[in-house]
Amino acid sequence: MTLDKAALQSGILALLTDMRSRTEVSDSDFAGTLADLIDTYIRSATITIAAGIPVSTAGGPTAQTGTTTAPAVATIQ
């Protein structure tokens, strides 16, 4: 799994800088923006699933078993 830690760190630093420049601090704004940064960070993950994972189908005469034949890339939604 690949994540862009540098982008998350940069976003957090920008958030902290913005919060320090405000005349009125809002814990709610801080928490909301930080949650958005973390959500974006997690959703940016690239997950590679290896080939050769056992699979099977259910049912009658058409039920089959085997393995995946190629790697796949998954996303977090």
C-alpha atoms as a PDB file:
ATOM      1  CA  MET A   1       0.000   0.000   0.000  1.00  0.00           C
ATOM      2  CA  THR A   2       1.317   3.413  -0.936  1.00  0.00           C
ATOM      3  CA  LEU A   3       0.363   6.614   0.872  1.00  0.00           C
ATOM      4  CA  ASP A   4       1.647  10.182   0.384  1.00  0.00           C
ATOM      5  CA  LYS A   5       2.821  11.048   3.900  1.00  0.00           C
ATOM      6  CA  ALA A   6       4.546  14.237   2.711  1.00  0.00           C
ATOM      7  CA  ALA A   7       1.238  15.632   1.391  1.00  0.00           C
ATOM      8  CA  LEU A   8      -0.492  14.850   4.700  1.00  0.00           C
ATOM      9  CA  GLN A   9       2.291  16.545   6.659  1.00  0.00           C
ATOM     10  CA  SER A  10       2.154  19.585   4.371  1.00  0.00           C
ATOM     11  CA  GLY A  11      -1.621  19.824   4.811  1.00  0.00           C
ATOM     12  CA  ILE A  12      -1.354  19.613   8.593  1.00  0.00           C
ATOM     13  CA  LEU A  13       1.334  22.314   8.656  1.00  0.00           C
ATOM     14  CA  ALA A  14      -0.853  24.566   6.488  1.00  0.00           C
ATOM     15  CA  LEU A  15      -3.794  23.951   8.826  1.00  0.00           C
ATOM     16  CA  LEU A  16      -1.734  24.835  11.903  1.00  0.00           C
ATOM     17  CA  THR A  17      -0.397  27.984  10.229  1.00  0.00           C
ATOM     18  CA  ASP A  18      -3.929  29.014   9.290  1.00  0.00           C
ATOM     19  CA  MET A  19      -5.223  28.393  12.813  1.00  0.00           C
ATOM     20  CA  ARG A  20      -2.427  30.520  14.326  1.00  0.00           C
ATOM     21  CA  SER A  21      -3.287  33.438  12.029  1.00  0.00           C
ATOM     22  CA  ARG A  22      -6.948  33.569  13.100  1.00  0.00           C
ATOM     23  CA  THR A  23      -8.184  36.027  15.678  1.00  0.00           C
ATOM     24  CA  GLU A  24     -10.785  33.513  16.881  1.00  0.00           C
ATOM     25  CA  VAL A  25      -9.794  29.868  17.170  1.00  0.00           C
ATOM     26  CA  SER A  26     -12.430  27.287  16.296  1.00  0.00           C
ATOM     27  CA  ASP A  27     -11.858  23.759  17.570  1.00  0.00           C
ATOM     28  CA  SER A  28     -14.673  22.636  15.277  1.00  0.00           C
ATOM     29  CA  ASP A  29     -12.957  24.092  12.174  1.00  0.00           C
ATOM     30  CA  PHE A  30      -9.652  22.530  13.196  1.00  0.00           C
ATOM     31  CA  ALA A  31     -11.215  19.098  13.796  1.00  0.00           C
ATOM     32  CA  GLY A  32     -13.189  19.215  10.537  1.00  0.00           C
ATOM     33  CA  THR A  33     -10.210  20.210   8.419  1.00  0.00           C
ATOM     34  CA  LEU A  34      -7.930  17.668  10.098  1.00  0.00           C
ATOM     35  CA  ALA A  35     -10.540  14.938   9.518  1.00  0.00           C
ATOM     36  CA  ASP A  36     -10.725  15.943   5.834  1.00  0.00           C
ATOM     37  CA  LEU A  37      -6.931  15.771   5.525  1.00  0.00           C
ATOM     38  CA  ILE A  38      -6.835  12.291   7.081  1.00  0.00           C
ATOM     39  CA  ASP A  39      -9.761  11.103   4.934  1.00  0.00           C
ATOM     40  CA  THR A  40      -8.016  12.321   1.767  1.00  0.00           C
ATOM     41  CA  TYR A  41      -4.769  10.677   2.897  1.00  0.00           C
ATOM     42  CA  ILE A  42      -6.407   7.288   3.475  1.00  0.00           C
ATOM     43  CA  ARG A  43      -8.428   7.411   0.249  1.00  0.00           C
ATOM     44  CA  SER A  44      -5.278   8.195  -1.737  1.00  0.00           C
ATOM     45  CA  ALA A  45      -3.908   4.732  -0.960  1.00  0.00           C
ATOM     46  CA  THR A  46      -3.046   2.406  -3.806  1.00  0.00           C
ATOM     47  CA  ILE A  47      -3.494  -1.212  -2.790  1.00  0.00           C
ATOM     48  CA  THR A  48      -2.028  -3.906  -5.021  1.00  0.00           C
ATOM     49  CA  ILE A  49      -3.565  -7.352  -4.733  1.00  0.00           C
ATOM     50  CA  ALA A  50      -1.261 -10.165  -5.806  1.00  0.00           C
ATOM     51  CA  ALA A  51      -2.109 -12.807  -8.386  1.00  0.00           C
ATOM     52  CA  GLY A  52      -2.682 -16.380  -7.216  1.00  0.00           C
ATOM     53  CA  ILE A  53      -5.351 -15.720  -4.574  1.00  0.00           C
ATOM     54  CA  PRO A  54      -7.710 -18.739  -4.319  1.00  0.00           C
ATOM     55  CA  VAL A  55     -11.256 -18.098  -5.529  1.00  0.00           C
ATOM     56  CA  SER A  56     -14.383 -20.225  -5.905  1.00  0.00           C
ATOM     57  CA  THR A  57     -17.923 -19.861  -7.133  1.00  0.00           C
ATOM     58  CA  ALA A  58     -20.992 -21.262  -5.426  1.00  0.00           C
ATOM     59  CA  GLY A  59     -23.836 -23.155  -6.950  1.00  0.00           C
ATOM     60  CA  GLY A  60     -24.561 -26.302  -8.854  1.00  0.00           C
ATOM     61  CA  PRO A  61     -22.667 -27.869 -11.724  1.00  0.00           C
ATOM     62  CA  THR A  62     -21.036 -24.574 -12.668  1.00  0.00           C
ATOM     63  CA  ALA A  63     -19.244 -24.181  -9.323  1.00  0.00           C
ATOM     64  CA  GLN A  64     -15.540 -23.780  -9.988  1.00  0.00           C
ATOM     65  CA  THR A  65     -12.358 -23.205  -8.029  1.00  0.00           C
ATOM     66  CA  GLY A  66      -9.123 -21.605  -9.122  1.00  0.00           C
ATOM     67  CA  THR A  67      -6.850 -18.659  -8.474  1.00  0.00           C
ATOM     68  CA  THR A  68      -6.635 -15.081  -9.666  1.00  0.00           C
ATOM     69  CA  THR A  69      -4.439 -14.803 -12.737  1.00  0.00           C
ATOM     70  CA  ALA A  70      -3.133 -11.244 -12.502  1.00  0.00           C
ATOM     71  CA  PRO A  71      -2.474  -8.575  -9.896  1.00  0.00           C
ATOM     72  CA  ALA A  72      -5.204  -5.987  -9.336  1.00  0.00           C
ATOM     73  CA  VAL A  73      -5.290  -2.479  -7.934  1.00  0.00           C
ATOM     74  CA  ALA A  74      -7.952  -1.552  -5.359  1.00  0.00           C
ATOM     75  CA  THR A  75      -9.149   1.794  -4.034  1.00  0.00           C
ATOM     76  CA  ILE A  76     -10.693   2.748  -0.695  1.00  0.00           C
ATOM     77  CA  GLN A  77     -14.113   4.347  -1.031  1.00  0.00           C
END
